[in-house]
Every structure is written in structure tokens, then in C-alpha cells.
Amino acid sequence: MIWYPWLTPAYRQLVAQYSSDRSHHALLLQSIPGCGDEPLVQALGYWLMCQEPQGEKTCGVCHNCHMMKAGTHPDWHVVEPEKGKTAIGVETVRQLTETLYNRAQQGGVKVAWIRETERLSEAAANALLKTLEEPPEHTYFLLSCHEPSALLPTIRSRCLHWLLACPDEAFSVEWLRRQNAGQPDSLRTALRLSNGAPVAAQQLLTSDVWAARAAICQRMAEAFERRDLLLLLPLLNEDNAAERIHWSVSLLLDVVKHQQGAGSYIVNQDAIDTVQRLAVIMSPGQINRITQRWLACRRELQTVAGINRELLLTNMLNQTESGLA
């Protein structure tokens, strides 16, 4: 299990609550994707299962610790969507509930980790709600969540809500630097594109799409200067087109920040030259209309099944070009 240094304070506080019997039977852990919530949940599960914890640490030698490390503990239950599905179905929750109401096979506690709890179907959420209202004895629920607004209010109200905040930017930049993830401007840019989540930023920096993003930034200035927006089509028309539009919109919004003297808030710190070139081409009003159009296109890509991506992007770019005339 990979551990991240910014998780330690949250881990210590949560373990202290469990140690002093001030804990809640259901913990709802909210975080931004890529902030490290999974290692934190796993560490809490290890501690709860340990037969002889040494303060905030597990003993590492008891039978439960060995089974947890091997991933074979019968009283540690992980719930997530079945393969090929995007939602957690009601039958999965019913099976979990039936298991939890039985005696723990190892005679200790039972722990259920529901990953991405917002993926519960409505029926599954209602089935879980009944169990949260009348929890089985010696049972803990660890619910990780990235979109708490997608949860039933009744589920949120029956849990201890814990927000795992991202570390500050300076800390995250230093951590990324130690991972040899890139130059300082690139590190700050990746963090801001990832909403401050260090793990997500590291993954972005070390993936093939980082070079694709750099290419989009470079081509944006050329396309707008030449009033030939179709130059962007080959770069945008990929499987991750929605993400690529997100990068492009963030760059356009940076132009407005530059025009308004808010340079310290620019996301794309490694593309200042492009931002400056675009700033002399378009007014804030034009940029606002363009970003609204591009975000609408992004929503369609994300929500409309079977949509013709190339046609949609072509239409978006043609309309943008017409608006610049």
C-alpha cells in the first residue's frame, strides 16, 4: 500500500476517535479524485481489524494483520460496481447486509468499505440506508465518496462526514518535485488542472496525454491568430475529447485572468506565452461566449450516447470561428 505524507494527520485524528470510543459506526470520507483517499481507507481498515494495535499502528504480526495483507480476511468487505457496470446494484448491497448480520468469522469486528458510494443505485442506496439506521453489532462502514451531492441526504445524515482536503500547493509542488515529475511551472499547472490533488497531478504529468496537452496549448495561439479553428480538430478529436476541451477552456479563462491583472491565478503556468498571444486577439466578452459554447459541447460528449464526436467538434470550431469574424 502506497502512503502519502498528507494523509497522516487525518489518519491520526480518525484513529484517535476510534480508540476513545467517540467514533461513528459509519464514516463518509469525501475527497477529490487523486487526493489519496483509498490508502487512507485501507489503513483505517487495517487498524480496525488488528487484534493488538500499538497505539495508532497495527501490530503487523497477528492473524488478522496477515490476512489483511494477503487480501483474504473474511470480515473485510469491499463493495464496488460489478465488472462492466457503472453502478452498485441493490443485490450487491443485499448480499453485503446479509453477510454483515452474521457473526464475524474471526470473532472480531466486520468492516465494509463502499468505494465511490455515489455510484449506488437508488434502490441500493435505500437498502444500505436501512442497515445504517440499524447497524449490525461490531460493524463499521467506511464510505468513500467524490460527489457527496449525488448521495441521498438520509445516507449523509447517518454518517460522520470527514473531508480529506488536498495539501497546499507549495507542499504538493515539493512532493511532486521529489517524484521527479517535471519542472516547477509544469508541476503547478498539473496541480491546478487536477483541482489540487497531488496523485492526480502526478498521473497527469507522467502520462502520454501531458504531451498532447502541450500540443493543444501551442496550437491554440496559432489557430486563433489565423482564424482557422479547424487546426485544433485533430488534437481534440480523441477518446478523451472532453478532457481536452477542459484543458482548452482553462487556457481561455487564463486569458481573461491575464487581461484583468490576475496573473497569479492562471492555471496554465507553463503556457504564459500562449496566454499573452491570445490576450491581444480576443476580448473578455468573446472568450465568455466561446467558453460557454465549448462547455456545452463537452456536456454533450459526456452525456449523449452514440454522438458523432467529430461532427460535434467540427460544428463547435466552425461556430467559434464565425464568432471571431
C-alpha atoms as a PDB file:
ATOM      1  CA  MET A   1       0.000   0.000   0.000  1.00  0.00           C
ATOM      2  CA  ILE A   2       1.410   3.370  -1.060  1.00  0.00           C
ATOM      3  CA  TRP A   3       1.258   6.011   1.669  1.00  0.00           C
ATOM      4  CA  TYR A   4       1.217   9.764   1.131  1.00  0.00           C
ATOM      5  CA  PRO A   5       2.534  12.163   3.814  1.00  0.00           C
ATOM      6  CA  TRP A   6      -0.504  14.476   3.811  1.00  0.00           C
ATOM      7  CA  LEU A   7      -2.722  11.561   4.918  1.00  0.00           C
ATOM      8  CA  THR A   8      -1.003  11.153   8.288  1.00  0.00           C
ATOM      9  CA  PRO A   9      -2.824  13.949  10.228  1.00  0.00           C
ATOM     10  CA  ALA A  10      -6.255  12.689   9.098  1.00  0.00           C
ATOM     11  CA  TYR A  11      -5.319   9.096   9.903  1.00  0.00           C
ATOM     12  CA  ARG A  12      -4.166  10.016  13.397  1.00  0.00           C
ATOM     13  CA  GLN A  13      -7.312  12.013  14.147  1.00  0.00           C
ATOM     14  CA  LEU A  14      -9.617   9.259  12.930  1.00  0.00           C
ATOM     15  CA  VAL A  15      -7.757   6.511  14.807  1.00  0.00           C
ATOM     16  CA  ALA A  16      -7.880   8.655  17.957  1.00  0.00           C
ATOM     17  CA  GLN A  17     -11.668   8.760  17.666  1.00  0.00           C
ATOM     18  CA  TYR A  18     -11.914   5.002  17.243  1.00  0.00           C
ATOM     19  CA  SER A  19      -9.526   4.491  20.191  1.00  0.00           C
ATOM     20  CA  SER A  20     -11.562   6.700  22.529  1.00  0.00           C
ATOM     21  CA  ASP A  21     -14.925   5.185  21.563  1.00  0.00           C
ATOM     22  CA  ARG A  22     -16.004   8.533  20.091  1.00  0.00           C
ATOM     23  CA  SER A  23     -16.170   7.062  16.631  1.00  0.00           C
ATOM     24  CA  HIS A  24     -19.253   6.669  14.485  1.00  0.00           C
ATOM     25  CA  HIS A  25     -20.197   3.301  13.047  1.00  0.00           C
ATOM     26  CA  ALA A  26     -20.301   4.872   9.565  1.00  0.00           C
ATOM     27  CA  LEU A  27     -17.579   7.165   8.210  1.00  0.00           C
ATOM     28  CA  LEU A  28     -18.230   9.104   4.998  1.00  0.00           C
ATOM     29  CA  LEU A  29     -14.856  10.153   3.634  1.00  0.00           C
ATOM     30  CA  GLN A  30     -15.141  12.871   0.981  1.00  0.00           C
ATOM     31  CA  SER A  31     -12.200  13.783  -1.219  1.00  0.00           C
ATOM     32  CA  ILE A  32     -11.210  14.992  -4.649  1.00  0.00           C
ATOM     33  CA  PRO A  33     -10.161  12.167  -7.008  1.00  0.00           C
ATOM     34  CA  GLY A  34      -6.419  11.718  -6.797  1.00  0.00           C
ATOM     35  CA  CYS A  35      -6.042  13.002  -3.244  1.00  0.00           C
ATOM     36  CA  GLY A  36      -5.215   9.591  -1.759  1.00  0.00           C
ATOM     37  CA  ASP A  37      -8.464   8.543  -0.106  1.00  0.00           C
ATOM     38  CA  GLU A  38      -8.034   4.840  -0.893  1.00  0.00           C
ATOM     39  CA  PRO A  39      -4.788   4.348   1.073  1.00  0.00           C
ATOM     40  CA  LEU A  40      -6.383   6.189   3.991  1.00  0.00           C
ATOM     41  CA  VAL A  41      -9.434   3.930   3.997  1.00  0.00           C
ATOM     42  CA  GLN A  42      -7.256   0.835   3.711  1.00  0.00           C
ATOM     43  CA  ALA A  43      -5.080   1.980   6.603  1.00  0.00           C
ATOM     44  CA  LEU A  44      -8.159   2.547   8.772  1.00  0.00           C
ATOM     45  CA  GLY A  45      -9.435  -0.898   7.820  1.00  0.00           C
ATOM     46  CA  TYR A  46      -6.105  -2.489   8.772  1.00  0.00           C
ATOM     47  CA  TRP A  47      -6.183  -0.734  12.147  1.00  0.00           C
ATOM     48  CA  LEU A  48      -9.788  -1.712  12.894  1.00  0.00           C
ATOM     49  CA  MET A  49      -9.060  -5.332  12.045  1.00  0.00           C
ATOM     50  CA  CYS A  50      -5.808  -5.588  14.019  1.00  0.00           C
ATOM     51  CA  GLN A  51      -6.135  -7.690  17.185  1.00  0.00           C
ATOM     52  CA  GLU A  52      -3.321  -5.940  19.068  1.00  0.00           C
ATOM     53  CA  PRO A  53      -2.891  -2.382  17.721  1.00  0.00           C
ATOM     54  CA  GLN A  54       0.092  -0.488  19.100  1.00  0.00           C
ATOM     55  CA  GLY A  55      -1.345   2.984  19.542  1.00  0.00           C
ATOM     56  CA  GLU A  56      -2.056   4.313  16.055  1.00  0.00           C
ATOM     57  CA  LYS A  57      -0.112   1.481  14.436  1.00  0.00           C
ATOM     58  CA  THR A  58      -1.142  -2.072  13.677  1.00  0.00           C
ATOM     59  CA  CYS A  59       0.895  -4.848  15.256  1.00  0.00           C
ATOM     60  CA  GLY A  60       1.624  -6.407  11.861  1.00  0.00           C
ATOM     61  CA  VAL A  61       2.028  -9.892  13.304  1.00  0.00           C
ATOM     62  CA  CYS A  62      -1.436 -11.046  14.390  1.00  0.00           C
ATOM     63  CA  HIS A  63      -3.507 -13.413  12.248  1.00  0.00           C
ATOM     64  CA  ASN A  64      -5.831 -10.603  11.185  1.00  0.00           C
ATOM     65  CA  CYS A  65      -2.932  -8.424  10.029  1.00  0.00           C
ATOM     66  CA  HIS A  66      -1.529 -11.277   7.961  1.00  0.00           C
ATOM     67  CA  MET A  67      -4.901 -11.897   6.327  1.00  0.00           C
ATOM     68  CA  MET A  68      -5.414  -8.204   5.605  1.00  0.00           C
ATOM     69  CA  LYS A  69      -2.006  -8.009   3.932  1.00  0.00           C
ATOM     70  CA  ALA A  70      -2.856 -11.078   1.873  1.00  0.00           C
ATOM     71  CA  GLY A  71      -6.284  -9.689   0.972  1.00  0.00           C
ATOM     72  CA  THR A  72      -8.045 -12.767   2.359  1.00  0.00           C
ATOM     73  CA  HIS A  73      -9.722 -11.523   5.535  1.00  0.00           C
ATOM     74  CA  PRO A  74     -13.318 -12.854   5.507  1.00  0.00           C
ATOM     75  CA  ASP A  75     -14.660  -9.952   7.593  1.00  0.00           C
ATOM     76  CA  TRP A  76     -13.254  -7.200   5.359  1.00  0.00           C
ATOM     77  CA  HIS A  77     -15.781  -6.466   2.629  1.00  0.00           C
ATOM     78  CA  VAL A  78     -15.126  -4.210  -0.361  1.00  0.00           C
ATOM     79  CA  VAL A  79     -18.159  -3.096  -2.370  1.00  0.00           C
ATOM     80  CA  GLU A  80     -17.828  -1.601  -5.846  1.00  0.00           C
ATOM     81  CA  PRO A  81     -19.614  -1.859  -9.207  1.00  0.00           C
ATOM     82  CA  GLU A  82     -19.511  -5.264 -10.841  1.00  0.00           C
ATOM     83  CA  LYS A  83     -17.244  -5.640 -13.845  1.00  0.00           C
ATOM     84  CA  GLY A  84     -18.744  -3.936 -16.872  1.00  0.00           C
ATOM     85  CA  LYS A  85     -21.208  -1.868 -14.823  1.00  0.00           C
ATOM     86  CA  THR A  86     -21.046   1.719 -13.619  1.00  0.00           C
ATOM     87  CA  ALA A  87     -23.463   1.462 -10.678  1.00  0.00           C
ATOM     88  CA  ILE A  88     -23.566  -0.580  -7.480  1.00  0.00           C
ATOM     89  CA  GLY A  89     -26.753  -2.618  -7.672  1.00  0.00           C
ATOM     90  CA  VAL A  90     -29.263  -3.419  -4.965  1.00  0.00           C
ATOM     91  CA  GLU A  91     -28.422  -7.141  -4.968  1.00  0.00           C
ATOM     92  CA  THR A  92     -24.814  -6.354  -4.110  1.00  0.00           C
ATOM     93  CA  VAL A  93     -25.946  -4.330  -1.088  1.00  0.00           C
ATOM     94  CA  ARG A  94     -28.442  -7.005  -0.011  1.00  0.00           C
ATOM     95  CA  GLN A  95     -25.717  -9.658  -0.103  1.00  0.00           C
ATOM     96  CA  LEU A  96     -23.470  -7.391   1.944  1.00  0.00           C
ATOM     97  CA  THR A  97     -26.205  -6.781   4.516  1.00  0.00           C
ATOM     98  CA  GLU A  98     -26.945 -10.480   4.854  1.00  0.00           C
ATOM     99  CA  THR A  99     -23.257 -11.188   5.439  1.00  0.00           C
ATOM    100  CA  LEU A 100     -22.828  -8.388   7.985  1.00  0.00           C
ATOM    101  CA  TYR A 101     -25.722  -9.585  10.128  1.00  0.00           C
ATOM    102  CA  ASN A 102     -23.933 -12.907  10.587  1.00  0.00           C
ATOM    103  CA  ARG A 103     -21.307 -13.333  13.264  1.00  0.00           C
ATOM    104  CA  ALA A 104     -17.786 -12.273  12.288  1.00  0.00           C
ATOM    105  CA  GLN A 105     -15.902 -15.326  11.067  1.00  0.00           C
ATOM    106  CA  GLN A 106     -12.809 -14.306  13.028  1.00  0.00           C
ATOM    107  CA  GLY A 107     -14.801 -13.333  16.101  1.00  0.00           C
ATOM    108  CA  GLY A 108     -13.838  -9.638  15.937  1.00  0.00           C
ATOM    109  CA  VAL A 109     -15.225  -6.696  14.009  1.00  0.00           C
ATOM    110  CA  LYS A 110     -16.598  -6.561  10.484  1.00  0.00           C
ATOM    111  CA  VAL A 111     -15.714  -3.700   8.168  1.00  0.00           C
ATOM    112  CA  ALA A 112     -17.455  -2.798   4.905  1.00  0.00           C
ATOM    113  CA  TRP A 113     -15.718  -0.422   2.530  1.00  0.00           C
ATOM    114  CA  ILE A 114     -18.019   1.013  -0.134  1.00  0.00           C
ATOM    115  CA  ARG A 115     -15.877   2.576  -2.841  1.00  0.00           C
ATOM    116  CA  GLU A 116     -17.332   5.586  -4.668  1.00  0.00           C
ATOM    117  CA  THR A 117     -20.545   5.476  -2.684  1.00  0.00           C
ATOM    118  CA  GLU A 118     -22.161   7.927  -5.108  1.00  0.00           C
ATOM    119  CA  ARG A 119     -22.341   5.025  -7.581  1.00  0.00           C
ATOM    120  CA  LEU A 120     -25.060   3.329  -5.526  1.00  0.00           C
ATOM    121  CA  SER A 121     -28.270   2.940  -7.495  1.00  0.00           C
ATOM    122  CA  GLU A 122     -31.349   4.444  -5.860  1.00  0.00           C
ATOM    123  CA  ALA A 123     -32.569   1.017  -4.767  1.00  0.00           C
ATOM    124  CA  ALA A 124     -29.113   0.096  -3.449  1.00  0.00           C
ATOM    125  CA  ALA A 125     -28.870   3.372  -1.519  1.00  0.00           C
ATOM    126  CA  ASN A 126     -32.236   2.741   0.120  1.00  0.00           C
ATOM    127  CA  ALA A 127     -31.207  -0.800   1.020  1.00  0.00           C
ATOM    128  CA  LEU A 128     -27.985   0.500   2.588  1.00  0.00           C
ATOM    129  CA  LEU A 129     -29.913   3.174   4.474  1.00  0.00           C
ATOM    130  CA  LYS A 130     -31.838   0.534   6.410  1.00  0.00           C
ATOM    131  CA  THR A 131     -28.575  -1.099   7.504  1.00  0.00           C
ATOM    132  CA  LEU A 132     -27.033   2.237   8.518  1.00  0.00           C
ATOM    133  CA  GLU A 133     -30.111   3.001  10.650  1.00  0.00           C
ATOM    134  CA  GLU A 134     -29.850  -0.329  12.489  1.00  0.00           C
ATOM    135  CA  PRO A 135     -26.214  -1.414  12.090  1.00  0.00           C
ATOM    136  CA  PRO A 136     -25.159  -4.943  12.978  1.00  0.00           C
ATOM    137  CA  GLU A 137     -23.133  -5.331  16.168  1.00  0.00           C
ATOM    138  CA  HIS A 138     -19.365  -4.760  15.935  1.00  0.00           C
ATOM    139  CA  THR A 139     -19.632  -3.487  12.380  1.00  0.00           C
ATOM    140  CA  TYR A 140     -18.019  -0.439  10.785  1.00  0.00           C
ATOM    141  CA  PHE A 141     -18.818   1.185   7.448  1.00  0.00           C
ATOM    142  CA  LEU A 142     -16.190   3.132   5.522  1.00  0.00           C
ATOM    143  CA  LEU A 143     -17.815   5.046   2.678  1.00  0.00           C
ATOM    144  CA  SER A 144     -15.521   6.865   0.264  1.00  0.00           C
ATOM    145  CA  CYS A 145     -17.085   9.485  -1.954  1.00  0.00           C
ATOM    146  CA  HIS A 146     -16.066  12.075  -4.552  1.00  0.00           C
ATOM    147  CA  GLU A 147     -19.523  13.539  -5.222  1.00  0.00           C
ATOM    148  CA  PRO A 148     -21.452  13.772  -1.930  1.00  0.00           C
ATOM    149  CA  SER A 149     -24.236  15.750  -3.619  1.00  0.00           C
ATOM    150  CA  ALA A 150     -25.095  12.561  -5.523  1.00  0.00           C
ATOM    151  CA  LEU A 151     -25.840  10.715  -2.260  1.00  0.00           C
ATOM    152  CA  LEU A 152     -29.209  10.547  -0.576  1.00  0.00           C
ATOM    153  CA  PRO A 153     -29.374  13.192   2.185  1.00  0.00           C
ATOM    154  CA  THR A 154     -30.574  10.464   4.524  1.00  0.00           C
ATOM    155  CA  ILE A 155     -27.358   8.489   3.984  1.00  0.00           C
ATOM    156  CA  ARG A 156     -25.185  11.550   4.578  1.00  0.00           C
ATOM    157  CA  SER A 157     -27.094  12.346   7.775  1.00  0.00           C
ATOM    158  CA  ARG A 158     -26.370   8.901   9.222  1.00  0.00           C
ATOM    159  CA  CYS A 159     -22.616   9.120   8.745  1.00  0.00           C
ATOM    160  CA  LEU A 160     -19.743  11.008  10.251  1.00  0.00           C
ATOM    161  CA  HIS A 161     -18.757  13.270   7.353  1.00  0.00           C
ATOM    162  CA  TRP A 162     -14.999  13.740   7.001  1.00  0.00           C
ATOM    163  CA  LEU A 163     -13.461  15.955   4.322  1.00  0.00           C
ATOM    164  CA  LEU A 164      -9.984  14.906   3.202  1.00  0.00           C
ATOM    165  CA  ALA A 165      -8.588  18.199   1.953  1.00  0.00           C
ATOM    166  CA  CYS A 166      -5.730  18.446  -0.531  1.00  0.00           C
ATOM    167  CA  PRO A 167      -2.434  19.778   0.838  1.00  0.00           C
ATOM    168  CA  ASP A 168      -1.480  23.344  -0.030  1.00  0.00           C
ATOM    169  CA  GLU A 169       0.158  23.981  -3.379  1.00  0.00           C
ATOM    170  CA  ALA A 170       3.668  24.605  -2.061  1.00  0.00           C
ATOM    171  CA  PHE A 171       3.664  21.268  -0.213  1.00  0.00           C
ATOM    172  CA  SER A 172       2.305  19.442  -3.269  1.00  0.00           C
ATOM    173  CA  VAL A 173       4.823  21.039  -5.638  1.00  0.00           C
ATOM    174  CA  GLU A 174       7.671  19.927  -3.371  1.00  0.00           C
ATOM    175  CA  TRP A 175       6.230  16.404  -3.178  1.00  0.00           C
ATOM    176  CA  LEU A 176       5.906  16.225  -6.965  1.00  0.00           C
ATOM    177  CA  ARG A 177       9.453  17.557  -7.348  1.00  0.00           C
ATOM    178  CA  ARG A 178      10.725  14.688  -5.223  1.00  0.00           C
ATOM    179  CA  GLN A 179       8.892  12.279  -7.526  1.00  0.00           C
ATOM    180  CA  ASN A 180      10.861  13.754 -10.464  1.00  0.00           C
ATOM    181  CA  ALA A 181       7.574  14.654 -12.127  1.00  0.00           C
ATOM    182  CA  GLY A 182       8.758  17.735 -14.064  1.00  0.00           C
ATOM    183  CA  GLN A 183       9.674  21.408 -13.975  1.00  0.00           C
ATOM    184  CA  PRO A 184       8.123  23.771 -11.360  1.00  0.00           C
ATOM    185  CA  ASP A 185       5.790  25.509 -13.853  1.00  0.00           C
ATOM    186  CA  SER A 186       4.576  22.142 -15.116  1.00  0.00           C
ATOM    187  CA  LEU A 187       4.041  20.894 -11.559  1.00  0.00           C
ATOM    188  CA  ARG A 188       1.897  23.890 -10.645  1.00  0.00           C
ATOM    189  CA  THR A 189      -0.060  23.589 -13.881  1.00  0.00           C
ATOM    190  CA  ALA A 190      -0.813  19.891 -13.370  1.00  0.00           C
ATOM    191  CA  LEU A 191      -1.901  20.545  -9.787  1.00  0.00           C
ATOM    192  CA  ARG A 192      -4.280  23.312 -10.795  1.00  0.00           C
ATOM    193  CA  LEU A 193      -5.727  21.236 -13.636  1.00  0.00           C
ATOM    194  CA  SER A 194      -6.266  18.443 -11.072  1.00  0.00           C
ATOM    195  CA  ASN A 195      -8.028  20.689  -8.517  1.00  0.00           C
ATOM    196  CA  GLY A 196      -5.004  20.493  -6.231  1.00  0.00           C
ATOM    197  CA  ALA A 197      -4.923  16.686  -5.962  1.00  0.00           C
ATOM    198  CA  PRO A 198      -1.235  15.612  -5.925  1.00  0.00           C
ATOM    199  CA  VAL A 199      -1.706  11.991  -7.011  1.00  0.00           C
ATOM    200  CA  ALA A 200      -3.907  13.017  -9.942  1.00  0.00           C
ATOM    201  CA  ALA A 201      -1.333  15.654 -10.904  1.00  0.00           C
ATOM    202  CA  GLN A 202       1.467  13.089 -10.824  1.00  0.00           C
ATOM    203  CA  GLN A 203      -0.534  10.722 -13.025  1.00  0.00           C
ATOM    204  CA  LEU A 204      -1.251  13.539 -15.484  1.00  0.00           C
ATOM    205  CA  LEU A 205       2.397  14.581 -15.657  1.00  0.00           C
ATOM    206  CA  THR A 206       3.668  11.066 -16.261  1.00  0.00           C
ATOM    207  CA  SER A 207       1.039  10.050 -18.844  1.00  0.00           C
ATOM    208  CA  ASP A 208       1.134  10.340 -22.617  1.00  0.00           C
ATOM    209  CA  VAL A 209      -1.672  12.918 -22.575  1.00  0.00           C
ATOM    210  CA  TRP A 210       0.613  15.540 -20.996  1.00  0.00           C
ATOM    211  CA  ALA A 211       2.408  15.937 -24.308  1.00  0.00           C
ATOM    212  CA  ALA A 212      -0.961  16.133 -26.062  1.00  0.00           C
ATOM    213  CA  ARG A 213      -1.996  18.960 -23.747  1.00  0.00           C
ATOM    214  CA  ALA A 214       1.225  20.848 -24.555  1.00  0.00           C
ATOM    215  CA  ALA A 215       0.459  20.459 -28.266  1.00  0.00           C
ATOM    216  CA  ILE A 216      -3.041  21.892 -27.775  1.00  0.00           C
ATOM    217  CA  CYS A 217      -1.648  24.910 -25.907  1.00  0.00           C
ATOM    218  CA  GLN A 218       0.792  25.589 -28.724  1.00  0.00           C
ATOM    219  CA  ARG A 219      -1.801  25.141 -31.483  1.00  0.00           C
ATOM    220  CA  MET A 220      -4.418  27.305 -29.727  1.00  0.00           C
ATOM    221  CA  ALA A 221      -2.487  30.519 -30.344  1.00  0.00           C
ATOM    222  CA  GLU A 222      -1.852  29.646 -33.987  1.00  0.00           C
ATOM    223  CA  ALA A 223      -5.467  28.637 -34.647  1.00  0.00           C
ATOM    224  CA  PHE A 224      -6.939  31.833 -33.188  1.00  0.00           C
ATOM    225  CA  GLU A 225      -4.335  34.093 -34.774  1.00  0.00           C
ATOM    226  CA  ARG A 226      -5.004  32.618 -38.219  1.00  0.00           C
ATOM    227  CA  ARG A 227      -8.765  32.450 -37.637  1.00  0.00           C
ATOM    228  CA  ASP A 228      -8.553  28.779 -38.629  1.00  0.00           C
ATOM    229  CA  LEU A 229     -10.040  26.889 -35.696  1.00  0.00           C
ATOM    230  CA  LEU A 230     -10.184  23.589 -37.600  1.00  0.00           C
ATOM    231  CA  LEU A 231      -6.446  23.346 -36.939  1.00  0.00           C
ATOM    232  CA  LEU A 232      -7.493  22.148 -33.498  1.00  0.00           C
ATOM    233  CA  LEU A 233      -9.740  19.338 -34.717  1.00  0.00           C
ATOM    234  CA  PRO A 234      -7.053  16.596 -34.975  1.00  0.00           C
ATOM    235  CA  LEU A 235      -5.889  17.407 -31.446  1.00  0.00           C
ATOM    236  CA  LEU A 236      -9.367  17.488 -29.904  1.00  0.00           C
ATOM    237  CA  ASN A 237     -10.911  14.531 -31.732  1.00  0.00           C
ATOM    238  CA  GLU A 238      -9.667  11.777 -29.426  1.00  0.00           C
ATOM    239  CA  ASP A 239     -11.307   9.406 -26.950  1.00  0.00           C
ATOM    240  CA  ASN A 240     -10.593  11.866 -24.126  1.00  0.00           C
ATOM    241  CA  ALA A 241     -12.072  14.800 -26.071  1.00  0.00           C
ATOM    242  CA  ALA A 242     -13.973  16.039 -23.009  1.00  0.00           C
ATOM    243  CA  GLU A 243     -10.727  16.297 -21.055  1.00  0.00           C
ATOM    244  CA  ARG A 244      -9.043  18.068 -23.965  1.00  0.00           C
ATOM    245  CA  ILE A 245     -11.839  20.627 -24.103  1.00  0.00           C
ATOM    246  CA  HIS A 246     -11.356  21.126 -20.368  1.00  0.00           C
ATOM    247  CA  TRP A 247      -7.679  21.969 -20.971  1.00  0.00           C
ATOM    248  CA  SER A 248      -8.608  24.357 -23.770  1.00  0.00           C
ATOM    249  CA  VAL A 249     -11.259  26.155 -21.730  1.00  0.00           C
ATOM    250  CA  SER A 250      -8.876  26.521 -18.801  1.00  0.00           C
ATOM    251  CA  LEU A 251      -6.431  28.220 -21.174  1.00  0.00           C
ATOM    252  CA  LEU A 252      -9.103  30.616 -22.452  1.00  0.00           C
ATOM    253  CA  LEU A 253     -10.111  31.506 -18.896  1.00  0.00           C
ATOM    254  CA  ASP A 254      -6.444  32.178 -18.141  1.00  0.00           C
ATOM    255  CA  VAL A 255      -6.510  34.773 -20.909  1.00  0.00           C
ATOM    256  CA  VAL A 256      -9.265  36.659 -19.064  1.00  0.00           C
ATOM    257  CA  LYS A 257      -7.288  36.453 -15.832  1.00  0.00           C
ATOM    258  CA  HIS A 258      -4.275  37.918 -17.626  1.00  0.00           C
ATOM    259  CA  GLN A 259      -6.389  40.706 -19.099  1.00  0.00           C
ATOM    260  CA  GLN A 260      -7.796  41.522 -15.658  1.00  0.00           C
ATOM    261  CA  GLY A 261      -4.402  41.556 -13.928  1.00  0.00           C
ATOM    262  CA  ALA A 262      -4.970  38.314 -12.023  1.00  0.00           C
ATOM    263  CA  GLY A 263      -1.884  36.520 -13.291  1.00  0.00           C
ATOM    264  CA  SER A 264      -1.215  34.674 -10.043  1.00  0.00           C
ATOM    265  CA  TYR A 265      -4.451  32.716 -10.571  1.00  0.00           C
ATOM    266  CA  ILE A 266      -3.519  31.483 -14.038  1.00  0.00           C
ATOM    267  CA  VAL A 267      -3.823  27.692 -14.211  1.00  0.00           C
ATOM    268  CA  ASN A 268      -1.541  27.043 -17.179  1.00  0.00           C
ATOM    269  CA  GLN A 269       1.661  28.408 -15.683  1.00  0.00           C
ATOM    270  CA  ASP A 270       3.724  26.645 -18.339  1.00  0.00           C
ATOM    271  CA  ALA A 271       1.843  28.311 -21.218  1.00  0.00           C
ATOM    272  CA  ILE A 272       2.132  32.007 -20.350  1.00  0.00           C
ATOM    273  CA  ASP A 273       3.373  32.827 -23.846  1.00  0.00           C
ATOM    274  CA  THR A 274       0.205  31.370 -25.393  1.00  0.00           C
ATOM    275  CA  VAL A 275      -1.949  33.231 -22.870  1.00  0.00           C
ATOM    276  CA  GLN A 276      -0.269  36.525 -23.765  1.00  0.00           C
ATOM    277  CA  ARG A 277      -0.679  35.929 -27.500  1.00  0.00           C
ATOM    278  CA  LEU A 278      -4.372  35.136 -27.128  1.00  0.00           C
ATOM    279  CA  ALA A 279      -4.916  38.158 -24.872  1.00  0.00           C
ATOM    280  CA  VAL A 280      -4.361  40.581 -27.769  1.00  0.00           C
ATOM    281  CA  ILE A 281      -6.725  38.720 -30.108  1.00  0.00           C
ATOM    282  CA  MET A 282      -9.966  38.368 -28.123  1.00  0.00           C
ATOM    283  CA  SER A 283     -11.994  40.431 -25.702  1.00  0.00           C
ATOM    284  CA  PRO A 284     -13.345  39.004 -22.418  1.00  0.00           C
ATOM    285  CA  GLY A 285     -16.829  39.028 -23.949  1.00  0.00           C
ATOM    286  CA  GLN A 286     -15.722  36.907 -26.891  1.00  0.00           C
ATOM    287  CA  ILE A 287     -13.937  34.489 -24.587  1.00  0.00           C
ATOM    288  CA  ASN A 288     -17.042  34.140 -22.440  1.00  0.00           C
ATOM    289  CA  ARG A 289     -19.165  33.209 -25.463  1.00  0.00           C
ATOM    290  CA  ILE A 290     -16.552  30.741 -26.694  1.00  0.00           C
ATOM    291  CA  THR A 291     -16.158  29.012 -23.337  1.00  0.00           C
ATOM    292  CA  GLN A 292     -19.934  28.657 -22.954  1.00  0.00           C
ATOM    293  CA  ARG A 293     -20.131  27.039 -26.397  1.00  0.00           C
ATOM    294  CA  TRP A 294     -17.204  24.711 -25.705  1.00  0.00           C
ATOM    295  CA  LEU A 295     -18.532  23.677 -22.305  1.00  0.00           C
ATOM    296  CA  ALA A 296     -21.916  22.875 -23.861  1.00  0.00           C
ATOM    297  CA  CYS A 297     -20.109  20.681 -26.391  1.00  0.00           C
ATOM    298  CA  ARG A 298     -18.239  18.983 -23.558  1.00  0.00           C
ATOM    299  CA  ARG A 299     -21.502  18.219 -21.743  1.00  0.00           C
ATOM    300  CA  GLU A 300     -22.933  16.611 -24.873  1.00  0.00           C
ATOM    301  CA  LEU A 301     -19.842  14.452 -25.267  1.00  0.00           C
ATOM    302  CA  GLN A 302     -20.212  13.271 -21.681  1.00  0.00           C
ATOM    303  CA  THR A 303     -23.967  12.694 -21.622  1.00  0.00           C
ATOM    304  CA  VAL A 304     -25.225  11.806 -25.120  1.00  0.00           C
ATOM    305  CA  ALA A 305     -24.679   8.158 -26.020  1.00  0.00           C
ATOM    306  CA  GLY A 306     -23.522   7.390 -29.549  1.00  0.00           C
ATOM    307  CA  ILE A 307     -22.958  11.012 -30.510  1.00  0.00           C
ATOM    308  CA  ASN A 308     -20.854  11.766 -33.599  1.00  0.00           C
ATOM    309  CA  ARG A 309     -17.813  13.246 -31.864  1.00  0.00           C
ATOM    310  CA  GLU A 310     -16.033  14.541 -34.954  1.00  0.00           C
ATOM    311  CA  LEU A 311     -19.167  16.234 -36.300  1.00  0.00           C
ATOM    312  CA  LEU A 312     -19.909  17.811 -32.918  1.00  0.00           C
ATOM    313  CA  LEU A 313     -16.359  19.155 -32.556  1.00  0.00           C
ATOM    314  CA  THR A 314     -16.317  20.420 -36.148  1.00  0.00           C
ATOM    315  CA  ASN A 315     -19.540  22.319 -35.561  1.00  0.00           C
ATOM    316  CA  MET A 316     -18.168  23.789 -32.328  1.00  0.00           C
ATOM    317  CA  LEU A 317     -14.997  25.023 -34.021  1.00  0.00           C
ATOM    318  CA  ASN A 318     -16.838  26.424 -37.049  1.00  0.00           C
ATOM    319  CA  GLN A 319     -19.232  28.351 -34.823  1.00  0.00           C
ATOM    320  CA  THR A 320     -16.281  29.677 -32.822  1.00  0.00           C
ATOM    321  CA  GLU A 321     -14.535  30.813 -35.996  1.00  0.00           C
ATOM    322  CA  SER A 322     -17.691  32.562 -37.231  1.00  0.00           C
ATOM    323  CA  GLY A 323     -17.969  34.393 -33.908  1.00  0.00           C
ATOM    324  CA  LEU A 324     -14.462  35.830 -34.332  1.00  0.00           C
ATOM    325  CA  ALA A 325     -15.229  37.468 -37.666  1.00  0.00           C
END
